[in-house]
C-alpha atoms as a PDB file:
ATOM      1  CA  MET A   1     -28.461  57.506  15.843  1.00  0.00           C
ATOM      2  CA  THR A   2     -27.634  59.645  12.820  1.00  0.00           C
ATOM      3  CA  ASP A   3     -25.201  58.740  10.080  1.00  0.00           C
ATOM      4  CA  GLY A   4     -22.865  61.501  11.251  1.00  0.00           C
ATOM      5  CA  ASP A   5     -22.649  60.153  14.804  1.00  0.00           C
ATOM      6  CA  PRO A   6     -18.951  59.600  15.743  1.00  0.00           C
ATOM      7  CA  GLN A   7     -19.827  56.423  17.650  1.00  0.00           C
ATOM      8  CA  SER A   8     -21.438  54.911  14.530  1.00  0.00           C
ATOM      9  CA  THR A   9     -18.410  55.803  12.434  1.00  0.00           C
ATOM     10  CA  ALA A  10     -15.997  54.352  14.979  1.00  0.00           C
ATOM     11  CA  SER A  11     -17.905  51.033  15.113  1.00  0.00           C
ATOM     12  CA  ASP A  12     -17.697  50.451  11.355  1.00  0.00           C
ATOM     13  CA  PRO A  13     -15.006  47.877  10.471  1.00  0.00           C
ATOM     14  CA  ALA A  14     -11.991  49.221   8.672  1.00  0.00           C
ATOM     15  CA  PRO A  15     -11.851  48.236   5.006  1.00  0.00           C
ATOM     16  CA  GLU A  16      -9.429  45.423   4.250  1.00  0.00           C
ATOM     17  CA  PRO A  17      -6.353  46.535   2.346  1.00  0.00           C
ATOM     18  CA  GLU A  18      -6.222  45.477  -1.277  1.00  0.00           C
ATOM     19  CA  PRO A  19      -3.762  42.652  -1.944  1.00  0.00           C
ATOM     20  CA  GLY A  20      -0.531  43.633  -3.613  1.00  0.00           C
ATOM     21  CA  LEU A  21       0.601  42.597  -7.068  1.00  0.00           C
ATOM     22  CA  LEU A  22       2.619  39.661  -5.726  1.00  0.00           C
ATOM     23  CA  ALA A  23      -0.313  38.362  -3.672  1.00  0.00           C
ATOM     24  CA  ARG A  24      -2.651  38.596  -6.675  1.00  0.00           C
ATOM     25  CA  ALA A  25      -0.139  36.771  -8.865  1.00  0.00           C
ATOM     26  CA  ARG A  26       0.268  34.064  -6.234  1.00  0.00           C
ATOM     27  CA  GLY A  27      -3.479  33.466  -6.342  1.00  0.00           C
ATOM     28  CA  HIS A  28      -3.161  32.306  -9.961  1.00  0.00           C
ATOM     29  CA  LEU A  29      -0.292  29.909  -9.306  1.00  0.00           C
ATOM     30  CA  MET A  30      -0.615  26.193  -8.726  1.00  0.00           C
ATOM     31  CA  ASP A  31      -1.336  25.156  -5.142  1.00  0.00           C
ATOM     32  CA  LEU A  32       1.656  23.136  -3.922  1.00  0.00           C
ATOM     33  CA  THR A  33       0.170  22.448  -0.490  1.00  0.00           C
ATOM     34  CA  PRO A  34      -0.339  18.693  -1.129  1.00  0.00           C
ATOM     35  CA  LEU A  35       3.384  18.328  -1.841  1.00  0.00           C
ATOM     36  CA  ARG A  36       4.259  20.063   1.409  1.00  0.00           C
ATOM     37  CA  GLU A  37       1.669  18.325   3.583  1.00  0.00           C
ATOM     38  CA  SER A  38       2.243  14.669   2.685  1.00  0.00           C
ATOM     39  CA  ARG A  39       5.621  12.980   2.232  1.00  0.00           C
ATOM     40  CA  ASP A  40       3.981   9.904   0.689  1.00  0.00           C
ATOM     41  CA  PHE A  41       2.044  11.989  -1.811  1.00  0.00           C
ATOM     42  CA  ARG A  42       5.255  13.810  -2.711  1.00  0.00           C
ATOM     43  CA  LEU A  43       7.014  10.503  -3.402  1.00  0.00           C
ATOM     44  CA  LEU A  44       4.058   9.181  -5.395  1.00  0.00           C
ATOM     45  CA  PHE A  45       3.773  12.387  -7.400  1.00  0.00           C
ATOM     46  CA  LEU A  46       7.482  12.439  -8.304  1.00  0.00           C
ATOM     47  CA  GLY A  47       7.462   8.790  -9.349  1.00  0.00           C
ATOM     48  CA  LYS A  48       4.275   9.086 -11.348  1.00  0.00           C
ATOM     49  CA  SER A  49       5.466  12.246 -13.152  1.00  0.00           C
ATOM     50  CA  VAL A  50       8.691  10.572 -14.297  1.00  0.00           C
ATOM     51  CA  SER A  51       6.785   7.423 -15.298  1.00  0.00           C
ATOM     52  CA  ASP A  52       4.292   9.450 -17.346  1.00  0.00           C
ATOM     53  CA  LEU A  53       7.188  11.084 -19.191  1.00  0.00           C
ATOM     54  CA  GLY A  54       8.632   7.656 -19.979  1.00  0.00           C
ATOM     55  CA  ASP A  55       5.234   6.452 -21.199  1.00  0.00           C
ATOM     56  CA  GLU A  56       4.948   9.386 -23.594  1.00  0.00           C
ATOM     57  CA  ILE A  57       8.433   8.709 -24.942  1.00  0.00           C
ATOM     58  CA  VAL A  58       7.639   5.058 -25.633  1.00  0.00           C
ATOM     59  CA  ALA A  59       4.266   6.021 -27.146  1.00  0.00           C
ATOM     60  CA  THR A  60       6.281   7.946 -29.739  1.00  0.00           C
ATOM     61  CA  VAL A  61       9.144   5.488 -30.209  1.00  0.00           C
ATOM     62  CA  VAL A  62       7.010   2.383 -30.854  1.00  0.00           C
ATOM     63  CA  PRO A  63       5.052   3.867 -33.815  1.00  0.00           C
ATOM     64  CA  PHE A  64       8.299   5.316 -35.172  1.00  0.00           C
ATOM     65  CA  GLN A  65       9.969   1.909 -35.066  1.00  0.00           C
ATOM     66  CA  VAL A  66       6.958   0.191 -36.653  1.00  0.00           C
ATOM     67  CA  PHE A  67       6.980   2.698 -39.518  1.00  0.00           C
ATOM     68  CA  GLN A  68      10.767   2.381 -39.819  1.00  0.00           C
ATOM     69  CA  LEU A  69      10.386  -1.383 -40.285  1.00  0.00           C
ATOM     70  CA  THR A  70       7.282  -1.424 -42.507  1.00  0.00           C
ATOM     71  CA  HIS A  71       6.993   2.035 -44.125  1.00  0.00           C
ATOM     72  CA  SER A  72       3.223   1.524 -43.729  1.00  0.00           C
ATOM     73  CA  THR A  73       0.853   3.918 -42.004  1.00  0.00           C
ATOM     74  CA  LEU A  74      -1.658   1.072 -41.784  1.00  0.00           C
ATOM     75  CA  ALA A  75       0.838  -0.954 -39.730  1.00  0.00           C
ATOM     76  CA  VAL A  76       1.198   2.019 -37.397  1.00  0.00           C
ATOM     77  CA  GLY A  77      -2.591   2.341 -37.109  1.00  0.00           C
ATOM     78  CA  LEU A  78      -2.875  -1.315 -36.070  1.00  0.00           C
ATOM     79  CA  LEU A  79      -1.067  -0.432 -32.837  1.00  0.00           C
ATOM     80  CA  GLY A  80      -4.257   1.327 -31.766  1.00  0.00           C
ATOM     81  CA  LEU A  81      -6.263  -1.856 -32.255  1.00  0.00           C
ATOM     82  CA  CYS A  82      -3.783  -3.731 -30.067  1.00  0.00           C
ATOM     83  CA  ALA A  83      -4.585  -1.368 -27.200  1.00  0.00           C
ATOM     84  CA  LEU A  84      -8.340  -1.297 -27.837  1.00  0.00           C
ATOM     85  CA  VAL A  85      -9.513  -4.167 -25.618  1.00  0.00           C
ATOM     86  CA  PRO A  86      -6.995  -3.651 -22.764  1.00  0.00           C
ATOM     87  CA  VAL A  87      -7.857   0.041 -22.464  1.00  0.00           C
ATOM     88  CA  PHE A  88     -11.558  -0.639 -21.897  1.00  0.00           C
ATOM     89  CA  VAL A  89     -11.446  -3.919 -19.961  1.00  0.00           C
ATOM     90  CA  PHE A  90      -8.383  -3.896 -17.724  1.00  0.00           C
ATOM     91  CA  PRO A  91      -9.209  -0.752 -15.674  1.00  0.00           C
ATOM     92  CA  ILE A  92     -12.264  -2.475 -14.202  1.00  0.00           C
ATOM     93  CA  ILE A  93     -10.304  -5.626 -13.415  1.00  0.00           C
ATOM     94  CA  GLY A  94      -7.450  -3.545 -12.008  1.00  0.00           C
ATOM     95  CA  GLY A  95      -9.894  -1.666  -9.800  1.00  0.00           C
ATOM     96  CA  ALA A  96     -11.005  -4.917  -8.206  1.00  0.00           C
ATOM     97  CA  PHE A  97      -7.384  -5.836  -7.462  1.00  0.00           C
ATOM     98  CA  ALA A  98      -6.530  -2.350  -6.159  1.00  0.00           C
ATOM     99  CA  ASP A  99      -9.316  -2.590  -3.578  1.00  0.00           C
ATOM    100  CA  ALA A 100      -8.286  -6.025  -2.350  1.00  0.00           C
ATOM    101  CA  VAL A 101      -4.458  -6.094  -2.163  1.00  0.00           C
ATOM    102  CA  GLU A 102      -1.716  -4.128  -0.430  1.00  0.00           C
ATOM    103  CA  ARG A 103      -1.357  -1.210  -2.798  1.00  0.00           C
ATOM    104  CA  ARG A 104       2.344  -0.449  -2.462  1.00  0.00           C
ATOM    105  CA  ARG A 105       3.375  -4.017  -3.271  1.00  0.00           C
ATOM    106  CA  PHE A 106       0.886  -4.160  -6.147  1.00  0.00           C
ATOM    107  CA  VAL A 107       2.267  -0.989  -7.770  1.00  0.00           C
ATOM    108  CA  ILE A 108       5.885  -2.109  -7.359  1.00  0.00           C
ATOM    109  CA  VAL A 109       5.193  -5.486  -8.996  1.00  0.00           C
ATOM    110  CA  MET A 110       3.346  -3.881 -11.923  1.00  0.00           C
ATOM    111  CA  HIS A 111       6.155  -1.410 -12.621  1.00  0.00           C
ATOM    112  CA  ALA A 112       8.779  -4.150 -12.293  1.00  0.00           C
ATOM    113  CA  VAL A 113       6.989  -6.140 -15.006  1.00  0.00           C
ATOM    114  CA  LEU A 114       6.739  -3.023 -17.205  1.00  0.00           C
ATOM    115  CA  ALA A 115      10.474  -2.390 -16.711  1.00  0.00           C
ATOM    116  CA  VAL A 116      11.293  -5.939 -17.834  1.00  0.00           C
ATOM    117  CA  MET A 117       9.106  -5.512 -20.923  1.00  0.00           C
ATOM    118  CA  SER A 118      10.829  -2.262 -21.895  1.00  0.00           C
ATOM    119  CA  ALA A 119      14.222  -3.913 -21.362  1.00  0.00           C
ATOM    120  CA  LEU A 120      13.208  -6.709 -23.746  1.00  0.00           C
ATOM    121  CA  MET A 121      12.138  -4.113 -26.307  1.00  0.00           C
ATOM    122  CA  ALA A 122      15.529  -2.440 -25.966  1.00  0.00           C
ATOM    123  CA  VAL A 123      17.179  -5.798 -26.721  1.00  0.00           C
ATOM    124  CA  ASN A 124      14.951  -6.229 -29.774  1.00  0.00           C
ATOM    125  CA  ALA A 125      15.795  -2.696 -30.972  1.00  0.00           C
ATOM    126  CA  MET A 126      19.526  -3.474 -30.699  1.00  0.00           C
ATOM    127  CA  ARG A 127      19.243  -6.306 -33.215  1.00  0.00           C
ATOM    128  CA  ASP A 128      20.642  -5.739 -36.686  1.00  0.00           C
ATOM    129  CA  GLU A 129      17.131  -6.439 -37.972  1.00  0.00           C
ATOM    130  CA  PRO A 130      14.577  -5.782 -35.195  1.00  0.00           C
ATOM    131  CA  LEU A 131      11.529  -8.035 -35.212  1.00  0.00           C
ATOM    132  CA  LEU A 132       8.155  -6.479 -35.892  1.00  0.00           C
ATOM    133  CA  TRP A 133       5.818  -8.770 -33.968  1.00  0.00           C
ATOM    134  CA  PRO A 134       7.300  -7.971 -30.501  1.00  0.00           C
ATOM    135  CA  LEU A 135       6.261  -4.341 -31.016  1.00  0.00           C
ATOM    136  CA  TYR A 136       2.607  -5.386 -31.356  1.00  0.00           C
ATOM    137  CA  VAL A 137       2.865  -7.749 -28.380  1.00  0.00           C
ATOM    138  CA  PHE A 138       4.480  -4.956 -26.371  1.00  0.00           C
ATOM    139  CA  ALA A 139       1.751  -2.472 -27.386  1.00  0.00           C
ATOM    140  CA  THR A 140      -0.944  -4.908 -26.236  1.00  0.00           C
ATOM    141  CA  LEU A 141       0.660  -5.989 -22.967  1.00  0.00           C
ATOM    142  CA  SER A 142       1.891  -2.534 -21.958  1.00  0.00           C
ATOM    143  CA  ALA A 143      -1.569  -1.040 -22.564  1.00  0.00           C
ATOM    144  CA  GLY A 144      -3.088  -3.826 -20.477  1.00  0.00           C
ATOM    145  CA  LEU A 145      -0.633  -3.476 -17.589  1.00  0.00           C
ATOM    146  CA  TYR A 146      -0.783   0.323 -17.668  1.00  0.00           C
ATOM    147  CA  THR A 147      -4.587   0.406 -17.444  1.00  0.00           C
ATOM    148  CA  PHE A 148      -4.595  -2.495 -14.973  1.00  0.00           C
ATOM    149  CA  ASN A 149      -2.319  -0.500 -12.681  1.00  0.00           C
ATOM    150  CA  ARG A 150      -3.987   2.871 -13.265  1.00  0.00           C
ATOM    151  CA  PRO A 151      -6.868   2.587 -10.737  1.00  0.00           C
ATOM    152  CA  ALA A 152      -4.413   1.915  -7.907  1.00  0.00           C
ATOM    153  CA  MET A 153      -2.260   4.904  -8.862  1.00  0.00           C
ATOM    154  CA  SER A 154      -5.129   7.317  -9.556  1.00  0.00           C
ATOM    155  CA  THR A 155      -7.052   6.657  -6.344  1.00  0.00           C
ATOM    156  CA  TRP A 156      -4.043   6.471  -4.024  1.00  0.00           C
ATOM    157  CA  PRO A 157      -3.931  10.235  -3.263  1.00  0.00           C
ATOM    158  CA  ALA A 158      -7.346   9.928  -1.611  1.00  0.00           C
ATOM    159  CA  ARG A 159      -5.660   7.792   1.063  1.00  0.00           C
ATOM    160  CA  LEU A 160      -2.784  10.228   1.537  1.00  0.00           C
ATOM    161  CA  LEU A 161      -4.477  13.637   1.653  1.00  0.00           C
ATOM    162  CA  PRO A 162      -7.487  15.220   3.384  1.00  0.00           C
ATOM    163  CA  PRO A 163     -10.492  15.747   1.105  1.00  0.00           C
ATOM    164  CA  ASP A 164      -9.986  19.514   0.873  1.00  0.00           C
ATOM    165  CA  LEU A 165      -6.558  19.013  -0.762  1.00  0.00           C
ATOM    166  CA  LEU A 166      -7.717  16.530  -3.395  1.00  0.00           C
ATOM    167  CA  PRO A 167      -8.686  19.229  -5.954  1.00  0.00           C
ATOM    168  CA  SER A 168      -5.186  20.705  -5.660  1.00  0.00           C
ATOM    169  CA  SER A 169      -3.578  17.280  -6.018  1.00  0.00           C
ATOM    170  CA  ASN A 170      -5.680  16.576  -9.097  1.00  0.00           C
ATOM    171  CA  ALA A 171      -4.653  19.905 -10.603  1.00  0.00           C
ATOM    172  CA  LEU A 172      -0.986  19.103  -9.975  1.00  0.00           C
ATOM    173  CA  GLU A 173      -1.258  15.693 -11.590  1.00  0.00           C
ATOM    174  CA  VAL A 174      -3.137  17.006 -14.630  1.00  0.00           C
ATOM    175  CA  ALA A 175      -0.660  19.851 -15.098  1.00  0.00           C
ATOM    176  CA  PHE A 176       2.411  17.639 -14.977  1.00  0.00           C
ATOM    177  CA  HIS A 177       0.737  14.977 -17.120  1.00  0.00           C
ATOM    178  CA  THR A 178       0.101  17.675 -19.736  1.00  0.00           C
ATOM    179  CA  ILE A 179       3.726  18.776 -19.530  1.00  0.00           C
ATOM    180  CA  GLY A 180       4.787  15.172 -20.067  1.00  0.00           C
ATOM    181  CA  ALA A 181       2.371  14.757 -22.968  1.00  0.00           C
ATOM    182  CA  MET A 182       3.882  17.810 -24.692  1.00  0.00           C
ATOM    183  CA  GLY A 183       7.508  17.275 -23.758  1.00  0.00           C
ATOM    184  CA  GLY A 184       7.587  13.472 -24.097  1.00  0.00           C
ATOM    185  CA  PRO A 185       7.392  13.350 -27.921  1.00  0.00           C
ATOM    186  CA  VAL A 186      10.001  16.125 -28.171  1.00  0.00           C
ATOM    187  CA  LEU A 187      12.364  14.234 -25.874  1.00  0.00           C
ATOM    188  CA  ALA A 188      11.598  11.024 -27.766  1.00  0.00           C
ATOM    189  CA  GLY A 189      12.711  12.651 -31.004  1.00  0.00           C
ATOM    190  CA  ILE A 190      15.957  13.775 -29.381  1.00  0.00           C
ATOM    191  CA  LEU A 191      16.580  10.291 -27.969  1.00  0.00           C
ATOM    192  CA  ILE A 192      15.869   8.638 -31.327  1.00  0.00           C
ATOM    193  CA  LEU A 193      18.395  10.914 -33.028  1.00  0.00           C
ATOM    194  CA  THR A 194      21.079  10.538 -30.361  1.00  0.00           C
ATOM    195  CA  ILE A 195      20.792   7.067 -28.806  1.00  0.00           C
ATOM    196  CA  GLU A 196      18.274   5.467 -31.207  1.00  0.00           C
ATOM    197  CA  PRO A 197      15.085   3.590 -30.204  1.00  0.00           C
ATOM    198  CA  ALA A 198      17.031   1.155 -28.034  1.00  0.00           C
ATOM    199  CA  GLY A 199      18.250   4.020 -25.861  1.00  0.00           C
ATOM    200  CA  ALA A 200      14.721   5.386 -25.562  1.00  0.00           C
ATOM    201  CA  PHE A 201      13.514   2.022 -24.237  1.00  0.00           C
ATOM    202  CA  VAL A 202      16.397   2.006 -21.739  1.00  0.00           C
ATOM    203  CA  PHE A 203      15.282   5.472 -20.593  1.00  0.00           C
ATOM    204  CA  ASP A 204      11.810   3.997 -20.039  1.00  0.00           C
ATOM    205  CA  VAL A 205      13.321   1.205 -17.937  1.00  0.00           C
ATOM    206  CA  PHE A 206      14.981   3.766 -15.679  1.00  0.00           C
ATOM    207  CA  SER A 207      11.716   5.707 -15.379  1.00  0.00           C
ATOM    208  CA  PHE A 208      10.013   2.573 -14.044  1.00  0.00           C
ATOM    209  CA  LEU A 209      12.907   1.907 -11.664  1.00  0.00           C
ATOM    210  CA  PHE A 210      12.535   5.469 -10.392  1.00  0.00           C
ATOM    211  CA  VAL A 211       8.836   4.845  -9.650  1.00  0.00           C
ATOM    212  CA  ILE A 212       9.728   1.651  -7.800  1.00  0.00           C
ATOM    213  CA  ALA A 213      12.309   3.513  -5.711  1.00  0.00           C
ATOM    214  CA  MET A 214       9.811   6.246  -4.805  1.00  0.00           C
ATOM    215  CA  VAL A 215       6.947   3.871  -3.976  1.00  0.00           C
ATOM    216  CA  TRP A 216       9.293   1.629  -1.970  1.00  0.00           C
ATOM    217  CA  ARG A 217       9.929   4.537   0.408  1.00  0.00           C
ATOM    218  CA  MET A 218       6.195   5.050   1.000  1.00  0.00           C
ATOM    219  CA  LYS A 219       4.271   3.524   3.879  1.00  0.00           C
ATOM    220  CA  PRO A 220       2.351   0.290   3.199  1.00  0.00           C
ATOM    221  CA  SER A 221      -1.222   0.838   2.047  1.00  0.00           C
ATOM    222  CA  PRO A 222      -3.381  -2.159   3.035  1.00  0.00           C
ATOM    223  CA  PRO A 223      -6.941  -2.591   1.730  1.00  0.00           C
ATOM    224  CA  SER A 224      -9.431  -0.259   3.361  1.00  0.00           C
ATOM    225  CA  ASP A 225     -11.775  -3.225   3.816  1.00  0.00           C
ATOM    226  CA  GLU A 226     -10.068  -6.143   5.565  1.00  0.00           C
ATOM    227  CA  GLY A 227     -12.617  -8.525   4.109  1.00  0.00           C
ATOM    228  CA  ALA A 228     -12.024  -7.412   0.520  1.00  0.00           C
ATOM    229  CA  SER A 229     -10.795 -10.069  -1.887  1.00  0.00           C
ATOM    230  CA  VAL A 230     -10.283 -10.447  -5.605  1.00  0.00           C
ATOM    231  CA  SER A 231     -13.146 -12.455  -7.021  1.00  0.00           C
ATOM    232  CA  TRP A 232     -14.967 -12.946 -10.263  1.00  0.00           C
ATOM    233  CA  ALA A 233     -18.094 -11.507  -8.632  1.00  0.00           C
ATOM    234  CA  ALA A 234     -16.284  -8.236  -7.834  1.00  0.00           C
ATOM    235  CA  ILE A 235     -15.140  -7.921 -11.457  1.00  0.00           C
ATOM    236  CA  VAL A 236     -18.636  -8.649 -12.753  1.00  0.00           C
ATOM    237  CA  ASP A 237     -20.028  -6.028 -10.364  1.00  0.00           C
ATOM    238  CA  GLY A 238     -17.608  -3.513 -11.875  1.00  0.00           C
ATOM    239  CA  PHE A 239     -18.953  -4.151 -15.370  1.00  0.00           C
ATOM    240  CA  ARG A 240     -22.528  -4.218 -14.067  1.00  0.00           C
ATOM    241  CA  PHE A 241     -21.977  -0.794 -12.517  1.00  0.00           C
ATOM    242  CA  LEU A 242     -21.615   0.646 -16.032  1.00  0.00           C
ATOM    243  CA  LYS A 243     -25.147  -0.448 -16.939  1.00  0.00           C
ATOM    244  CA  GLY A 244     -27.433   2.549 -17.040  1.00  0.00           C
ATOM    245  CA  LYS A 245     -24.589   4.998 -16.282  1.00  0.00           C
ATOM    246  CA  ARG A 246     -25.047   7.207 -19.334  1.00  0.00           C
ATOM    247  CA  THR A 247     -22.279   9.641 -18.447  1.00  0.00           C
ATOM    248  CA  ILE A 248     -19.656   6.926 -17.905  1.00  0.00           C
ATOM    249  CA  GLN A 249     -20.726   5.111 -21.076  1.00  0.00           C
ATOM    250  CA  SER A 250     -20.397   8.368 -23.019  1.00  0.00           C
ATOM    251  CA  VAL A 251     -16.872   8.892 -21.694  1.00  0.00           C
ATOM    252  CA  PHE A 252     -15.927   5.370 -22.786  1.00  0.00           C
ATOM    253  CA  GLY A 253     -17.520   5.949 -26.178  1.00  0.00           C
ATOM    254  CA  ILE A 254     -15.748   9.271 -26.710  1.00  0.00           C
ATOM    255  CA  ASP A 255     -12.400   7.741 -25.737  1.00  0.00           C
ATOM    256  CA  LEU A 256     -12.968   4.851 -28.121  1.00  0.00           C
ATOM    257  CA  ILE A 257     -13.889   6.974 -31.134  1.00  0.00           C
ATOM    258  CA  ALA A 258     -11.163   9.513 -30.379  1.00  0.00           C
ATOM    259  CA  MET A 259      -8.556   6.758 -30.247  1.00  0.00           C
ATOM    260  CA  ILE A 260      -9.794   5.295 -33.535  1.00  0.00           C
ATOM    261  CA  GLU A 261      -9.788   8.759 -35.095  1.00  0.00           C
ATOM    262  CA  GLY A 262      -6.246   9.484 -33.940  1.00  0.00           C
ATOM    263  CA  LYS A 263      -4.802   6.112 -34.927  1.00  0.00           C
ATOM    264  CA  THR A 264      -6.367   6.069 -38.399  1.00  0.00           C
ATOM    265  CA  LYS A 265      -5.521   9.594 -39.566  1.00  0.00           C
ATOM    266  CA  GLY A 266      -3.992   9.377 -43.011  1.00  0.00           C
ATOM    267  CA  ASN A 267      -5.314   5.849 -43.590  1.00  0.00           C
ATOM    268  CA  LEU A 268      -8.978   6.627 -44.354  1.00  0.00           C
ATOM    269  CA  SER A 269     -10.799   8.261 -47.227  1.00  0.00           C
ATOM    270  CA  ASP A 270     -12.294  11.726 -46.767  1.00  0.00           C
ATOM    271  CA  MET A 271     -15.774  10.236 -46.427  1.00  0.00           C
ATOM    272  CA  GLU A 272     -14.685   7.735 -43.768  1.00  0.00           C
ATOM    273  CA  GLN A 273     -12.841  10.444 -41.850  1.00  0.00           C
ATOM    274  CA  ARG A 274     -15.902  12.720 -41.893  1.00  0.00           C
ATOM    275  CA  MET A 275     -18.083   9.851 -40.679  1.00  0.00           C
ATOM    276  CA  ILE A 276     -15.832   9.223 -37.651  1.00  0.00           C
ATOM    277  CA  GLU A 277     -15.722  12.947 -36.870  1.00  0.00           C
ATOM    278  CA  HIS A 278     -19.545  13.100 -37.055  1.00  0.00           C
ATOM    279  CA  VAL A 279     -19.941  10.142 -34.680  1.00  0.00           C
ATOM    280  CA  LEU A 280     -17.455  11.705 -32.262  1.00  0.00           C
ATOM    281  CA  PHE A 281     -19.350  15.005 -32.414  1.00  0.00           C
ATOM    282  CA  GLU A 282     -22.652  13.295 -31.577  1.00  0.00           C
ATOM    283  CA  LEU A 283     -21.091  11.411 -28.673  1.00  0.00           C
ATOM    284  CA  ARG A 284     -19.749  14.679 -27.304  1.00  0.00           C
ATOM    285  CA  MET A 285     -23.249  16.108 -27.503  1.00  0.00           C
ATOM    286  CA  ASN A 286     -24.716  13.137 -25.638  1.00  0.00           C
ATOM    287  CA  TYR A 287     -22.120  13.594 -22.931  1.00  0.00           C
ATOM    288  CA  VAL A 288     -22.393  17.337 -22.343  1.00  0.00           C
ATOM    289  CA  SER A 289     -26.141  17.835 -22.893  1.00  0.00           C
ATOM    290  CA  CYS A 290     -27.141  16.671 -19.422  1.00  0.00           C
ATOM    291  CA  SER A 291     -30.100  19.069 -19.191  1.00  0.00           C
ATOM    292  CA  PRO A 292     -32.384  20.575 -21.878  1.00  0.00           C
ATOM    293  CA  TYR A 293     -31.591  24.236 -21.272  1.00  0.00           C
ATOM    294  CA  ARG A 294     -27.844  23.590 -21.732  1.00  0.00           C
ATOM    295  CA  VAL A 295     -28.187  21.882 -25.121  1.00  0.00           C
ATOM    296  CA  PRO A 296     -27.865  25.074 -27.249  1.00  0.00           C
ATOM    297  CA  ILE A 297     -24.846  26.237 -25.243  1.00  0.00           C
ATOM    298  CA  ALA A 298     -23.236  22.809 -25.452  1.00  0.00           C
ATOM    299  CA  ARG A 299     -23.775  22.553 -29.204  1.00  0.00           C
ATOM    300  CA  LEU A 300     -22.331  26.027 -29.744  1.00  0.00           C
ATOM    301  CA  ALA A 301     -19.241  25.169 -27.669  1.00  0.00           C
ATOM    302  CA  ALA A 302     -18.726  21.891 -29.508  1.00  0.00           C
ATOM    303  CA  ALA A 303     -19.155  23.582 -32.890  1.00  0.00           C
ATOM    304  CA  GLN A 304     -16.559  26.184 -31.923  1.00  0.00           C
ATOM    305  CA  SER A 305     -14.230  23.371 -30.880  1.00  0.00           C
ATOM    306  CA  VAL A 306     -14.680  21.591 -34.217  1.00  0.00           C
ATOM    307  CA  LEU A 307     -14.011  24.821 -36.138  1.00  0.00           C
ATOM    308  CA  ALA A 308     -10.913  25.471 -34.040  1.00  0.00           C
ATOM    309  CA  GLU A 309      -9.610  21.988 -34.815  1.00  0.00           C
ATOM    310  CA  GLY A 310      -9.948  22.785 -38.509  1.00  0.00           C
END
């Protein structure tokens, strides 16, 4: 049959119409399907977003109050050391608990304890002469409880959504966490100027109460394994899992050095600062250079990142 045959032309499928401007623009917007599909995910997402905003506010207010009391950048930098051990130990312990207990009750109890701690910090901030040591205790305990609770919160969407919606849910959480990370310090500055640090801690209390209210309305989430229990062996297995996991170890190492770098800015000599930046650069290389042919590309990207950071 020739190309000019009418039957051949008639059998060819009609070309699909090109999407309009609105349809193309919609393709670049955030996928809100997880929020529409799951009521429990919607409640969890709202609570977690407000809680993250409160965390960012307190992360700004505590260093401000420490500097206000001591006028020492070194004293501010010590807050990072208070969070050092909890940040790297408690997530593994919290993961063992998250797998073995009813998740909704666990999250409510953790946020209730955090709310009480922030309320106590508000009381301390209302004193004529606030005490310094509670700020360091608060920094240590809040970092521990936050990271202890984080595995339960981070893995909960996997129980609420089908696998094909998990990338969209992750994108939503990252986007709103970034908004909180940028807007939290700005709001903290406004709160410090208007209602002082005590008011900022009270705001944090209400953010935790909001999470509790949202999670309370969710369905119970029992352990996926009825035989799961919290045990020392499960915690040890969590630490043992890290052995030989080069990628995970690199992530922990990068987080550690980055936290030290951020908390010590302005307190180190130029030589010490360059040394930390060099170690961080090498750790980044170990993390991204997973195959030989990608090493040059990875090094070029990291070098561009360092130049962009100044």
